[in-house]
């Protein structure tokens, strides 16, 4: 079954909360547009997570998250966001976070990020 959550208004419509609830039973969660100027706050595992680039599905162990086509990914911001949720015990690896080869990449500092083109995955070291 395919479930899509989209929004048509500006501002907070609660999409992040809905996706977090649906992600519990999902195999894959894909974000298909936008950049780090957007975001959502999710309370899960008795903690508050502020996510700008990452889909809230990343908070679920068995969910693969994809930063998809149409996204603008600031690698410095993504690196910081991943570090923040890792500090709270969330596992982020190339197995559960994928980056589309068609996403727009913004590279200010590439020293801590490696993009593996064959697998289209992002490995944060």
PDB file of N, CA and C in Angstrom:
ATOM      1  N   UNK A   1       0.845  -1.177   0.000  1.00  0.00           N
ATOM      2  CA  UNK A   1       0.000   0.000   0.000  1.00  0.00           C
ATOM      3  C   UNK A   1       0.890   1.240   0.000  1.00  0.00           C
ATOM      4  N   UNK A   2       0.516   2.224  -0.741  1.00  0.00           N
ATOM      5  CA  UNK A   2       1.234   3.492  -0.805  1.00  0.00           C
ATOM      6  C   UNK A   2       0.396   4.561  -0.117  1.00  0.00           C
ATOM      7  N   UNK A   3       1.020   5.301   0.788  1.00  0.00           N
ATOM      8  CA  UNK A   3       0.355   6.406   1.462  1.00  0.00           C
ATOM      9  C   UNK A   3       1.170   7.658   1.217  1.00  0.00           C
ATOM     10  N   UNK A   4       0.520   8.732   0.785  1.00  0.00           N
ATOM     11  CA  UNK A   4       1.209  10.002   0.548  1.00  0.00           C
ATOM     12  C   UNK A   4       0.595  11.072   1.434  1.00  0.00           C
ATOM     13  N   UNK A   5       1.451  11.883   2.030  1.00  0.00           N
ATOM     14  CA  UNK A   5       1.003  13.018   2.834  1.00  0.00           C
ATOM     15  C   UNK A   5       1.554  14.261   2.158  1.00  0.00           C
ATOM     16  N   UNK A   6       0.672  15.138   1.729  1.00  0.00           N
ATOM     17  CA  UNK A   6       1.092  16.384   1.088  1.00  0.00           C
ATOM     18  C   UNK A   6       0.387  17.551   1.762  1.00  0.00           C
ATOM     19  N   UNK A   7       0.946  18.732   1.594  1.00  0.00           N
ATOM     20  CA  UNK A   7       0.338  19.922   2.169  1.00  0.00           C
ATOM     21  C   UNK A   7       0.176  20.972   1.093  1.00  0.00           C
ATOM     22  N   UNK A   8      -0.843  21.803   1.236  1.00  0.00           N
ATOM     23  CA  UNK A   8      -1.070  22.837   0.235  1.00  0.00           C
ATOM     24  C   UNK A   8      -1.026  24.241   0.821  1.00  0.00           C
ATOM     25  N   UNK A   9      -0.792  24.342   2.118  1.00  0.00           N
ATOM     26  CA  UNK A   9      -0.753  25.647   2.770  1.00  0.00           C
ATOM     27  C   UNK A   9       0.669  26.012   3.156  1.00  0.00           C
ATOM     28  N   UNK A  10       0.885  27.283   3.421  1.00  0.00           N
ATOM     29  CA  UNK A  10       2.162  27.736   3.960  1.00  0.00           C
ATOM     30  C   UNK A  10       2.136  27.514   5.451  1.00  0.00           C
ATOM     31  N   UNK A  11       3.277  27.218   6.022  1.00  0.00           N
ATOM     32  CA  UNK A  11       3.351  27.094   7.473  1.00  0.00           C
ATOM     33  C   UNK A  11       3.086  25.692   7.965  1.00  0.00           C
ATOM     34  N   UNK A  12       2.926  25.578   9.250  1.00  0.00           N
ATOM     35  CA  UNK A  12       2.788  24.284   9.900  1.00  0.00           C
ATOM     36  C   UNK A  12       1.380  23.741   9.720  1.00  0.00           C
ATOM     37  N   UNK A  13       1.298  22.647   9.017  1.00  0.00           N
ATOM     38  CA  UNK A  13       0.019  21.965   8.811  1.00  0.00           C
ATOM     39  C   UNK A  13      -0.064  20.677   9.605  1.00  0.00           C
ATOM     40  N   UNK A  14       1.019  20.330  10.277  1.00  0.00           N
ATOM     41  CA  UNK A  14       1.026  19.090  11.045  1.00  0.00           C
ATOM     42  C   UNK A  14       1.474  17.876  10.251  1.00  0.00           C
ATOM     43  N   UNK A  15       2.073  18.096   9.072  1.00  0.00           N
ATOM     44  CA  UNK A  15       2.509  16.965   8.249  1.00  0.00           C
ATOM     45  C   UNK A  15       3.540  16.101   8.976  1.00  0.00           C
ATOM     46  N   UNK A  16       4.476  16.727   9.676  1.00  0.00           N
ATOM     47  CA  UNK A  16       5.506  15.968  10.383  1.00  0.00           C
ATOM     48  C   UNK A  16       4.923  15.035  11.420  1.00  0.00           C
ATOM     49  N   UNK A  17       3.917  15.508  12.132  1.00  0.00           N
ATOM     50  CA  UNK A  17       3.268  14.673  13.146  1.00  0.00           C
ATOM     51  C   UNK A  17       2.546  13.496  12.499  1.00  0.00           C
ATOM     52  N   UNK A  18       1.848  13.765  11.406  1.00  0.00           N
ATOM     53  CA  UNK A  18       1.120  12.706  10.701  1.00  0.00           C
ATOM     54  C   UNK A  18       2.103  11.678  10.148  1.00  0.00           C
ATOM     55  N   UNK A  19       3.185  12.152   9.547  1.00  0.00           N
ATOM     56  CA  UNK A  19       4.179  11.241   8.984  1.00  0.00           C
ATOM     57  C   UNK A  19       4.813  10.402  10.080  1.00  0.00           C
ATOM     58  N   UNK A  20       5.088  11.002  11.228  1.00  0.00           N
ATOM     59  CA  UNK A  20       5.658  10.241  12.331  1.00  0.00           C
ATOM     60  C   UNK A  20       4.724   9.117  12.755  1.00  0.00           C
ATOM     61  N   UNK A  21       3.441   9.385  12.815  1.00  0.00           N
ATOM     62  CA  UNK A  21       2.474   8.345  13.183  1.00  0.00           C
ATOM     63  C   UNK A  21       2.407   7.246  12.128  1.00  0.00           C
ATOM     64  N   UNK A  22       2.397   7.638  10.851  1.00  0.00           N
ATOM     65  CA  UNK A  22       2.319   6.657   9.769  1.00  0.00           C
ATOM     66  C   UNK A  22       3.621   5.879   9.596  1.00  0.00           C
ATOM     67  N   UNK A  23       4.750   6.504   9.901  1.00  0.00           N
ATOM     68  CA  UNK A  23       6.059   5.884   9.697  1.00  0.00           C
ATOM     69  C   UNK A  23       6.252   4.639  10.552  1.00  0.00           C
ATOM     70  N   UNK A  24       5.541   4.568  11.638  1.00  0.00           N
ATOM     71  CA  UNK A  24       5.647   3.413  12.524  1.00  0.00           C
ATOM     72  C   UNK A  24       5.403   2.103  11.779  1.00  0.00           C
ATOM     73  N   UNK A  25       4.547   2.144  10.754  1.00  0.00           N
ATOM     74  CA  UNK A  25       4.203   0.943   9.981  1.00  0.00           C
ATOM     75  C   UNK A  25       4.720   1.003   8.548  1.00  0.00           C
ATOM     76  N   UNK A  26       5.622   1.921   8.259  1.00  0.00           N
ATOM     77  CA  UNK A  26       6.117   2.093   6.886  1.00  0.00           C
ATOM     78  C   UNK A  26       7.471   1.417   6.707  1.00  0.00           C
ATOM     79  N   UNK A  27       7.777   1.112   5.461  1.00  0.00           N
ATOM     80  CA  UNK A  27       9.100   0.597   5.111  1.00  0.00           C
ATOM     81  C   UNK A  27      10.017   1.739   4.687  1.00  0.00           C
ATOM     82  N   UNK A  28       9.443   2.721   3.968  1.00  0.00           N
ATOM     83  CA  UNK A  28      10.218   3.826   3.409  1.00  0.00           C
ATOM     84  C   UNK A  28       9.453   5.131   3.619  1.00  0.00           C
ATOM     85  N   UNK A  29      10.170   6.185   4.008  1.00  0.00           N
ATOM     86  CA  UNK A  29       9.600   7.528   4.090  1.00  0.00           C
ATOM     87  C   UNK A  29      10.467   8.423   3.212  1.00  0.00           C
ATOM     88  N   UNK A  30       9.827   9.108   2.265  1.00  0.00           N
ATOM     89  CA  UNK A  30      10.540   9.934   1.296  1.00  0.00           C
ATOM     90  C   UNK A  30      10.103  11.382   1.436  1.00  0.00           C
ATOM     91  N   UNK A  31      11.072  12.257   1.553  1.00  0.00           N
ATOM     92  CA  UNK A  31      10.791  13.695   1.462  1.00  0.00           C
ATOM     93  C   UNK A  31      11.174  14.108   0.055  1.00  0.00           C
ATOM     94  N   UNK A  32      10.278  14.790  -0.641  1.00  0.00           N
ATOM     95  CA  UNK A  32      10.475  15.015  -2.066  1.00  0.00           C
ATOM     96  C   UNK A  32      10.663  16.470  -2.469  1.00  0.00           C
ATOM     97  N   UNK A  33      10.669  17.392  -1.540  1.00  0.00           N
ATOM     98  CA  UNK A  33      10.869  18.790  -1.914  1.00  0.00           C
ATOM     99  C   UNK A  33      11.322  19.607  -0.721  1.00  0.00           C
ATOM    100  N   UNK A  34      11.829  20.800  -0.986  1.00  0.00           N
ATOM    101  CA  UNK A  34      12.169  21.745   0.073  1.00  0.00           C
ATOM    102  C   UNK A  34      13.602  21.637   0.541  1.00  0.00           C
ATOM    103  N   UNK A  35      13.897  22.429   1.550  1.00  0.00           N
ATOM    104  CA  UNK A  35      15.244  22.482   2.103  1.00  0.00           C
ATOM    105  C   UNK A  35      15.182  22.647   3.601  1.00  0.00           C
ATOM    106  N   UNK A  36      16.262  23.156   4.174  1.00  0.00           N
ATOM    107  CA  UNK A  36      16.323  23.267   5.628  1.00  0.00           C
ATOM    108  C   UNK A  36      15.630  24.518   6.166  1.00  0.00           C
ATOM    109  N   UNK A  37      14.966  25.285   5.302  1.00  0.00           N
ATOM    110  CA  UNK A  37      14.177  26.417   5.784  1.00  0.00           C
ATOM    111  C   UNK A  37      12.841  25.942   6.348  1.00  0.00           C
ATOM    112  N   UNK A  38      12.469  24.718   6.054  1.00  0.00           N
ATOM    113  CA  UNK A  38      11.240  24.136   6.579  1.00  0.00           C
ATOM    114  C   UNK A  38      11.604  23.264   7.771  1.00  0.00           C
ATOM    115  N   UNK A  39      10.617  22.692   8.395  1.00  0.00           N
ATOM    116  CA  UNK A  39      10.941  21.784   9.475  1.00  0.00           C
ATOM    117  C   UNK A  39       9.740  21.414  10.307  1.00  0.00           C
ATOM    118  N   UNK A  40       9.974  20.498  11.194  1.00  0.00           N
ATOM    119  CA  UNK A  40       8.921  20.068  12.099  1.00  0.00           C
ATOM    120  C   UNK A  40       9.548  19.570  13.394  1.00  0.00           C
ATOM    121  N   UNK A  41       8.764  19.643  14.433  1.00  0.00           N
ATOM    122  CA  UNK A  41       9.187  19.179  15.746  1.00  0.00           C
ATOM    123  C   UNK A  41       8.345  17.968  16.098  1.00  0.00           C
ATOM    124  N   UNK A  42       9.014  16.911  16.490  1.00  0.00           N
ATOM    125  CA  UNK A  42       8.322  15.676  16.850  1.00  0.00           C
ATOM    126  C   UNK A  42       8.761  15.289  18.260  1.00  0.00           C
ATOM    127  N   UNK A  43       7.807  14.910  19.075  1.00  0.00           N
ATOM    128  CA  UNK A  43       8.114  14.364  20.390  1.00  0.00           C
ATOM    129  C   UNK A  43       7.941  12.859  20.283  1.00  0.00           C
ATOM    130  N   UNK A  44       9.067  12.147  20.474  1.00  0.00           N
ATOM    131  CA  UNK A  44       9.068  10.694  20.392  1.00  0.00           C
ATOM    132  C   UNK A  44      10.119  10.171  21.359  1.00  0.00           C
ATOM    133  N   UNK A  45       9.935   8.957  21.811  1.00  0.00           N
ATOM    134  CA  UNK A  45      10.893   8.355  22.744  1.00  0.00           C
ATOM    135  C   UNK A  45      11.141   9.278  23.942  1.00  0.00           C
ATOM    136  N   UNK A  46      10.102   9.991  24.348  1.00  0.00           N
ATOM    137  CA  UNK A  46      10.150  10.928  25.471  1.00  0.00           C
ATOM    138  C   UNK A  46      11.194  12.024  25.275  1.00  0.00           C
ATOM    139  N   UNK A  47      11.445  12.387  24.003  1.00  0.00           N
ATOM    140  CA  UNK A  47      12.389  13.448  23.680  1.00  0.00           C
ATOM    141  C   UNK A  47      11.810  14.321  22.570  1.00  0.00           C
ATOM    142  N   UNK A  48      12.317  15.534  22.494  1.00  0.00           N
ATOM    143  CA  UNK A  48      11.901  16.478  21.452  1.00  0.00           C
ATOM    144  C   UNK A  48      12.957  16.471  20.345  1.00  0.00           C
ATOM    145  N   UNK A  49      12.513  16.279  19.107  1.00  0.00           N
ATOM    146  CA  UNK A  49      13.390  16.273  17.951  1.00  0.00           C
ATOM    147  C   UNK A  49      12.960  17.388  17.004  1.00  0.00           C
ATOM    148  N   UNK A  50      13.890  18.270  16.669  1.00  0.00           N
ATOM    149  CA  UNK A  50      13.631  19.336  15.707  1.00  0.00           C
ATOM    150  C   UNK A  50      14.315  18.925  14.410  1.00  0.00           C
ATOM    151  N   UNK A  51      13.509  18.668  13.385  1.00  0.00           N
ATOM    152  CA  UNK A  51      14.017  18.175  12.111  1.00  0.00           C
ATOM    153  C   UNK A  51      13.746  19.199  11.015  1.00  0.00           C
ATOM    154  N   UNK A  52      14.763  19.497  10.229  1.00  0.00           N
ATOM    155  CA  UNK A  52      14.609  20.422   9.105  1.00  0.00           C
ATOM    156  C   UNK A  52      14.707  19.698   7.770  1.00  0.00           C
ATOM    157  N   UNK A  53      15.686  18.846   7.617  1.00  0.00           N
ATOM    158  CA  UNK A  53      15.877  18.107   6.372  1.00  0.00           C
ATOM    159  C   UNK A  53      15.408  16.664   6.475  1.00  0.00           C
ATOM    160  N   UNK A  54      15.649  16.047   7.602  1.00  0.00           N
ATOM    161  CA  UNK A  54      15.339  14.633   7.754  1.00  0.00           C
ATOM    162  C   UNK A  54      13.846  14.396   7.931  1.00  0.00           C
ATOM    163  N   UNK A  55      13.305  13.399   7.240  1.00  0.00           N
ATOM    164  CA  UNK A  55      11.916  13.007   7.506  1.00  0.00           C
ATOM    165  C   UNK A  55      11.823  12.403   8.904  1.00  0.00           C
ATOM    166  N   UNK A  56      10.678  12.561   9.548  1.00  0.00           N
ATOM    167  CA  UNK A  56      10.540  12.040  10.910  1.00  0.00           C
ATOM    168  C   UNK A  56      10.582  10.520  10.948  1.00  0.00           C
ATOM    169  N   UNK A  57      10.486   9.867   9.813  1.00  0.00           N
ATOM    170  CA  UNK A  57      10.643   8.419   9.770  1.00  0.00           C
ATOM    171  C   UNK A  57      11.998   7.960  10.274  1.00  0.00           C
ATOM    172  N   UNK A  58      12.979   8.846  10.293  1.00  0.00           N
ATOM    173  CA  UNK A  58      14.323   8.506  10.763  1.00  0.00           C
ATOM    174  C   UNK A  58      14.311   8.101  12.238  1.00  0.00           C
ATOM    175  N   UNK A  59      13.269   8.457  12.955  1.00  0.00           N
ATOM    176  CA  UNK A  59      13.163   8.121  14.373  1.00  0.00           C
ATOM    177  C   UNK A  59      12.717   6.679  14.597  1.00  0.00           C
ATOM    178  N   UNK A  60      12.365   5.994  13.530  1.00  0.00           N
ATOM    179  CA  UNK A  60      11.915   4.600  13.614  1.00  0.00           C
ATOM    180  C   UNK A  60      13.001   3.686  13.052  1.00  0.00           C
ATOM    181  N   UNK A  61      13.419   2.708  13.831  1.00  0.00           N
ATOM    182  CA  UNK A  61      14.571   1.874  13.498  1.00  0.00           C
ATOM    183  C   UNK A  61      14.498   1.184  12.139  1.00  0.00           C
ATOM    184  N   UNK A  62      13.368   0.655  11.766  1.00  0.00           N
ATOM    185  CA  UNK A  62      13.269  -0.166  10.568  1.00  0.00           C
ATOM    186  C   UNK A  62      12.806   0.592   9.338  1.00  0.00           C
ATOM    187  N   UNK A  63      12.820   1.899   9.396  1.00  0.00           N
ATOM    188  CA  UNK A  63      12.345   2.716   8.276  1.00  0.00           C
ATOM    189  C   UNK A  63      13.540   3.269   7.508  1.00  0.00           C
ATOM    190  N   UNK A  64      13.490   3.148   6.185  1.00  0.00           N
ATOM    191  CA  UNK A  64      14.498   3.755   5.327  1.00  0.00           C
ATOM    192  C   UNK A  64      13.975   5.129   4.921  1.00  0.00           C
ATOM    193  N   UNK A  65      14.777   6.156   5.138  1.00  0.00           N
ATOM    194  CA  UNK A  65      14.393   7.516   4.776  1.00  0.00           C
ATOM    195  C   UNK A  65      15.167   7.957   3.544  1.00  0.00           C
ATOM    196  N   UNK A  66      14.479   8.658   2.661  1.00  0.00           N
ATOM    197  CA  UNK A  66      15.089   9.129   1.423  1.00  0.00           C
ATOM    198  C   UNK A  66      14.921  10.644   1.336  1.00  0.00           C
ATOM    199  N   UNK A  67      16.030  11.334   1.111  1.00  0.00           N
ATOM    200  CA  UNK A  67      15.997  12.755   0.770  1.00  0.00           C
ATOM    201  C   UNK A  67      15.912  12.772  -0.750  1.00  0.00           C
ATOM    202  N   UNK A  68      14.741  13.040  -1.268  1.00  0.00           N
ATOM    203  CA  UNK A  68      14.448  12.776  -2.668  1.00  0.00           C
ATOM    204  C   UNK A  68      14.640  13.921  -3.628  1.00  0.00           C
ATOM    205  N   UNK A  69      14.239  13.643  -4.864  1.00  0.00           N
ATOM    206  CA  UNK A  69      14.276  14.623  -5.939  1.00  0.00           C
ATOM    207  C   UNK A  69      13.538  15.882  -5.485  1.00  0.00           C
ATOM    208  N   UNK A  70      14.048  17.025  -5.863  1.00  0.00           N
ATOM    209  CA  UNK A  70      13.393  18.276  -5.513  1.00  0.00           C
ATOM    210  C   UNK A  70      13.858  18.865  -4.194  1.00  0.00           C
ATOM    211  N   UNK A  71      14.625  18.116  -3.432  1.00  0.00           N
ATOM    212  CA  UNK A  71      15.149  18.665  -2.180  1.00  0.00           C
ATOM    213  C   UNK A  71      16.417  19.456  -2.437  1.00  0.00           C
ATOM    214  N   UNK A  72      16.635  20.473  -1.616  1.00  0.00           N
ATOM    215  CA  UNK A  72      17.888  21.218  -1.610  1.00  0.00           C
ATOM    216  C   UNK A  72      18.560  20.851  -0.292  1.00  0.00           C
ATOM    217  N   UNK A  73      19.660  20.118  -0.381  1.00  0.00           N
ATOM    218  CA  UNK A  73      20.306  19.565   0.804  1.00  0.00           C
ATOM    219  C   UNK A  73      21.601  20.321   1.094  1.00  0.00           C
ATOM    220  N   UNK A  74      21.567  21.095   2.151  1.00  0.00           N
ATOM    221  CA  UNK A  74      22.758  21.779   2.645  1.00  0.00           C
ATOM    222  C   UNK A  74      23.504  20.759   3.490  1.00  0.00           C
ATOM    223  N   UNK A  75      24.642  20.284   2.993  1.00  0.00           N
ATOM    224  CA  UNK A  75      25.346  19.195   3.660  1.00  0.00           C
ATOM    225  C   UNK A  75      25.839  19.562   5.058  1.00  0.00           C
ATOM    226  N   UNK A  76      26.221  20.814   5.260  1.00  0.00           N
ATOM    227  CA  UNK A  76      26.653  21.236   6.596  1.00  0.00           C
ATOM    228  C   UNK A  76      25.485  21.159   7.576  1.00  0.00           C
ATOM    229  N   UNK A  77      24.327  21.636   7.150  1.00  0.00           N
ATOM    230  CA  UNK A  77      23.138  21.590   8.010  1.00  0.00           C
ATOM    231  C   UNK A  77      22.738  20.139   8.277  1.00  0.00           C
ATOM    232  N   UNK A  78      22.778  19.313   7.242  1.00  0.00           N
ATOM    233  CA  UNK A  78      22.413  17.905   7.397  1.00  0.00           C
ATOM    234  C   UNK A  78      23.352  17.203   8.372  1.00  0.00           C
ATOM    235  N   UNK A  79      24.633  17.464   8.262  1.00  0.00           N
ATOM    236  CA  UNK A  79      25.615  16.869   9.165  1.00  0.00           C
ATOM    237  C   UNK A  79      25.303  17.244  10.614  1.00  0.00           C
ATOM    238  N   UNK A  80      24.986  18.504  10.851  1.00  0.00           N
ATOM    239  CA  UNK A  80      24.648  18.962  12.208  1.00  0.00           C
ATOM    240  C   UNK A  80      23.349  18.340  12.707  1.00  0.00           C
ATOM    241  N   UNK A  81      22.368  18.246  11.825  1.00  0.00           N
ATOM    242  CA  UNK A  81      21.082  17.670  12.213  1.00  0.00           C
ATOM    243  C   UNK A  81      21.237  16.197  12.592  1.00  0.00           C
ATOM    244  N   UNK A  82      22.025  15.471  11.806  1.00  0.00           N
ATOM    245  CA  UNK A  82      22.268  14.061  12.114  1.00  0.00           C
ATOM    246  C   UNK A  82      23.006  13.937  13.441  1.00  0.00           C
ATOM    247  N   UNK A  83      24.002  14.777  13.674  1.00  0.00           N
ATOM    248  CA  UNK A  83      24.754  14.734  14.933  1.00  0.00           C
ATOM    249  C   UNK A  83      23.830  14.975  16.125  1.00  0.00           C
ATOM    250  N   UNK A  84      22.900  15.914  15.981  1.00  0.00           N
ATOM    251  CA  UNK A  84      21.984  16.226  17.083  1.00  0.00           C
ATOM    252  C   UNK A  84      21.080  15.050  17.430  1.00  0.00           C
ATOM    253  N   UNK A  85      20.570  14.355  16.427  1.00  0.00           N
ATOM    254  CA  UNK A  85      19.679  13.234  16.755  1.00  0.00           C
ATOM    255  C   UNK A  85      20.476  12.004  17.187  1.00  0.00           C
ATOM    256  N   UNK A  86      21.710  11.873  16.696  1.00  0.00           N
ATOM    257  CA  UNK A  86      22.563  10.772  17.173  1.00  0.00           C
ATOM    258  C   UNK A  86      22.860  10.942  18.659  1.00  0.00           C
ATOM    259  N   UNK A  87      23.033  12.179  19.108  1.00  0.00           N
ATOM    260  CA  UNK A  87      23.274  12.437  20.531  1.00  0.00           C
ATOM    261  C   UNK A  87      22.108  11.959  21.392  1.00  0.00           C
ATOM    262  N   UNK A  88      20.937  11.869  20.797  1.00  0.00           N
ATOM    263  CA  UNK A  88      19.745  11.416  21.516  1.00  0.00           C
ATOM    264  C   UNK A  88      19.478   9.934  21.292  1.00  0.00           C
ATOM    265  N   UNK A  89      20.454   9.241  20.691  1.00  0.00           N
ATOM    266  CA  UNK A  89      20.346   7.790  20.554  1.00  0.00           C
ATOM    267  C   UNK A  89      19.751   7.281  19.256  1.00  0.00           C
ATOM    268  N   UNK A  90      19.506   8.147  18.286  1.00  0.00           N
ATOM    269  CA  UNK A  90      18.942   7.714  17.009  1.00  0.00           C
ATOM    270  C   UNK A  90      20.078   7.230  16.106  1.00  0.00           C
ATOM    271  N   UNK A  91      19.907   6.062  15.536  1.00  0.00           N
ATOM    272  CA  UNK A  91      20.910   5.488  14.641  1.00  0.00           C
ATOM    273  C   UNK A  91      20.668   6.002  13.224  1.00  0.00           C
ATOM    274  N   UNK A  92      21.704   6.601  12.636  1.00  0.00           N
ATOM    275  CA  UNK A  92      21.635   7.081  11.251  1.00  0.00           C
ATOM    276  C   UNK A  92      22.832   6.494  10.512  1.00  0.00           C
ATOM    277  N   UNK A  93      22.549   5.671   9.507  1.00  0.00           N
ATOM    278  CA  UNK A  93      23.586   5.014   8.718  1.00  0.00           C
ATOM    279  C   UNK A  93      23.163   5.039   7.244  1.00  0.00           C
ATOM    280  N   UNK A  94      24.047   4.624   6.353  1.00  0.00           N
ATOM    281  CA  UNK A  94      23.643   4.505   4.942  1.00  0.00           C
ATOM    282  C   UNK A  94      22.542   3.472   4.731  1.00  0.00           C
ATOM    283  N   UNK A  95      22.296   2.623   5.710  1.00  0.00           N
ATOM    284  CA  UNK A  95      21.215   1.648   5.591  1.00  0.00           C
ATOM    285  C   UNK A  95      19.840   2.270   5.785  1.00  0.00           C
ATOM    286  N   UNK A  96      19.772   3.362   6.556  1.00  0.00           N
ATOM    287  CA  UNK A  96      18.453   3.944   6.801  1.00  0.00           C
ATOM    288  C   UNK A  96      18.315   5.390   6.324  1.00  0.00           C
ATOM    289  N   UNK A  97      19.362   5.927   5.681  1.00  0.00           N
ATOM    290  CA  UNK A  97      19.266   7.267   5.101  1.00  0.00           C
ATOM    291  C   UNK A  97      19.874   7.259   3.709  1.00  0.00           C
ATOM    292  N   UNK A  98      19.052   7.579   2.731  1.00  0.00           N
ATOM    293  CA  UNK A  98      19.472   7.594   1.332  1.00  0.00           C
ATOM    294  C   UNK A  98      19.300   8.997   0.775  1.00  0.00           C
ATOM    295  N   UNK A  99      20.138   9.325  -0.188  1.00  0.00           N
ATOM    296  CA  UNK A  99      20.097  10.627  -0.845  1.00  0.00           C
ATOM    297  C   UNK A  99      19.924  10.411  -2.339  1.00  0.00           C
ATOM    298  N   UNK A 100      18.880  10.988  -2.900  1.00  0.00           N
ATOM    299  CA  UNK A 100      18.630  10.846  -4.323  1.00  0.00           C
ATOM    300  C   UNK A 100      19.736  11.500  -5.133  1.00  0.00           C
ATOM    301  N   UNK A 101      20.080  10.882  -6.243  1.00  0.00           N
ATOM    302  CA  UNK A 101      21.084  11.476  -7.128  1.00  0.00           C
ATOM    303  C   UNK A 101      20.534  12.721  -7.812  1.00  0.00           C
ATOM    304  N   UNK A 102      19.241  12.958  -7.706  1.00  0.00           N
ATOM    305  CA  UNK A 102      18.626  14.136  -8.325  1.00  0.00           C
ATOM    306  C   UNK A 102      18.346  15.267  -7.334  1.00  0.00           C
ATOM    307  N   UNK A 103      18.715  15.078  -6.083  1.00  0.00           N
ATOM    308  CA  UNK A 103      18.574  16.165  -5.101  1.00  0.00           C
ATOM    309  C   UNK A 103      19.644  17.210  -5.387  1.00  0.00           C
ATOM    310  N   UNK A 104      19.322  18.455  -5.095  1.00  0.00           N
ATOM    311  CA  UNK A 104      20.299  19.537  -5.247  1.00  0.00           C
ATOM    312  C   UNK A 104      21.149  19.576  -3.981  1.00  0.00           C
ATOM    313  N   UNK A 105      22.469  19.549  -4.164  1.00  0.00           N
ATOM    314  CA  UNK A 105      23.391  19.509  -3.035  1.00  0.00           C
ATOM    315  C   UNK A 105      24.065  20.862  -2.881  1.00  0.00           C
ATOM    316  N   UNK A 106      24.049  21.380  -1.662  1.00  0.00           N
ATOM    317  CA  UNK A 106      24.739  22.620  -1.331  1.00  0.00           C
ATOM    318  C   UNK A 106      25.932  22.251  -0.457  1.00  0.00           C
ATOM    319  N   UNK A 107      27.140  22.471  -0.972  1.00  0.00           N
ATOM    320  CA  UNK A 107      28.356  22.085  -0.244  1.00  0.00           C
ATOM    321  C   UNK A 107      29.134  23.331   0.158  1.00  0.00           C
ATOM    322  N   UNK A 108      29.148  23.616   1.436  1.00  0.00           N
ATOM    323  CA  UNK A 108      29.984  24.702   1.941  1.00  0.00           C
ATOM    324  C   UNK A 108      31.300  24.133   2.446  1.00  0.00           C
ATOM    325  N   UNK A 109      31.214  22.974   3.081  1.00  0.00           N
ATOM    326  CA  UNK A 109      32.390  22.329   3.648  1.00  0.00           C
ATOM    327  C   UNK A 109      32.211  20.828   3.487  1.00  0.00           C
ATOM    328  N   UNK A 110      33.005  20.214   2.635  1.00  0.00           N
ATOM    329  CA  UNK A 110      32.831  18.796   2.353  1.00  0.00           C
ATOM    330  C   UNK A 110      33.764  17.907   3.164  1.00  0.00           C
ATOM    331  N   UNK A 111      34.466  18.428   4.133  1.00  0.00           N
ATOM    332  CA  UNK A 111      35.467  17.637   4.839  1.00  0.00           C
ATOM    333  C   UNK A 111      34.877  16.488   5.647  1.00  0.00           C
ATOM    334  N   UNK A 112      33.657  16.620   6.161  1.00  0.00           N
ATOM    335  CA  UNK A 112      33.105  15.560   7.001  1.00  0.00           C
ATOM    336  C   UNK A 112      32.021  14.755   6.299  1.00  0.00           C
ATOM    337  N   UNK A 113      31.840  14.984   5.011  1.00  0.00           N
ATOM    338  CA  UNK A 113      30.762  14.298   4.308  1.00  0.00           C
ATOM    339  C   UNK A 113      31.315  13.604   3.070  1.00  0.00           C
ATOM    340  N   UNK A 114      30.848  12.393   2.857  1.00  0.00           N
ATOM    341  CA  UNK A 114      31.266  11.634   1.696  1.00  0.00           C
ATOM    342  C   UNK A 114      30.024  11.150   0.963  1.00  0.00           C
ATOM    343  N   UNK A 115      29.926  11.439  -0.309  1.00  0.00           N
ATOM    344  CA  UNK A 115      28.768  11.030  -1.098  1.00  0.00           C
ATOM    345  C   UNK A 115      29.160   9.867  -1.979  1.00  0.00           C
ATOM    346  N   UNK A 116      28.523   8.761  -1.805  1.00  0.00           N
ATOM    347  CA  UNK A 116      28.832   7.550  -2.552  1.00  0.00           C
ATOM    348  C   UNK A 116      27.876   7.470  -3.728  1.00  0.00           C
ATOM    349  N   UNK A 117      28.333   7.799  -4.928  1.00  0.00           N
ATOM    350  CA  UNK A 117      27.467   7.945  -6.094  1.00  0.00           C
ATOM    351  C   UNK A 117      26.844   6.633  -6.546  1.00  0.00           C
ATOM    352  N   UNK A 118      27.541   5.531  -6.444  1.00  0.00           N
ATOM    353  CA  UNK A 118      26.994   4.273  -6.941  1.00  0.00           C
ATOM    354  C   UNK A 118      25.750   3.845  -6.177  1.00  0.00           C
ATOM    355  N   UNK A 119      25.755   4.022  -4.882  1.00  0.00           N
ATOM    356  CA  UNK A 119      24.622   3.607  -4.065  1.00  0.00           C
ATOM    357  C   UNK A 119      23.644   4.722  -3.781  1.00  0.00           C
ATOM    358  N   UNK A 120      23.994   5.940  -4.154  1.00  0.00           N
ATOM    359  CA  UNK A 120      23.149   7.109  -3.896  1.00  0.00           C
ATOM    360  C   UNK A 120      22.834   7.254  -2.413  1.00  0.00           C
ATOM    361  N   UNK A 121      23.849   6.994  -1.602  1.00  0.00           N
ATOM    362  CA  UNK A 121      23.615   7.104  -0.164  1.00  0.00           C
ATOM    363  C   UNK A 121      24.582   8.096   0.438  1.00  0.00           C
ATOM    364  N   UNK A 122      24.214   8.595   1.558  1.00  0.00           N
ATOM    365  CA  UNK A 122      25.025   9.568   2.266  1.00  0.00           C
ATOM    366  C   UNK A 122      25.640   8.902   3.475  1.00  0.00           C
ATOM    367  N   UNK A 123      26.935   8.982   3.577  1.00  0.00           N
ATOM    368  CA  UNK A 123      27.635   8.388   4.715  1.00  0.00           C
ATOM    369  C   UNK A 123      28.270   9.502   5.513  1.00  0.00           C
ATOM    370  N   UNK A 124      27.829   9.712   6.722  1.00  0.00           N
ATOM    371  CA  UNK A 124      28.402  10.744   7.568  1.00  0.00           C
ATOM    372  C   UNK A 124      29.494  10.104   8.408  1.00  0.00           C
ATOM    373  N   UNK A 125      30.701  10.646   8.344  1.00  0.00           N
ATOM    374  CA  UNK A 125      31.818  10.069   9.064  1.00  0.00           C
ATOM    375  C   UNK A 125      32.251  10.973  10.198  1.00  0.00           C
TER     376      UNK A 125
END
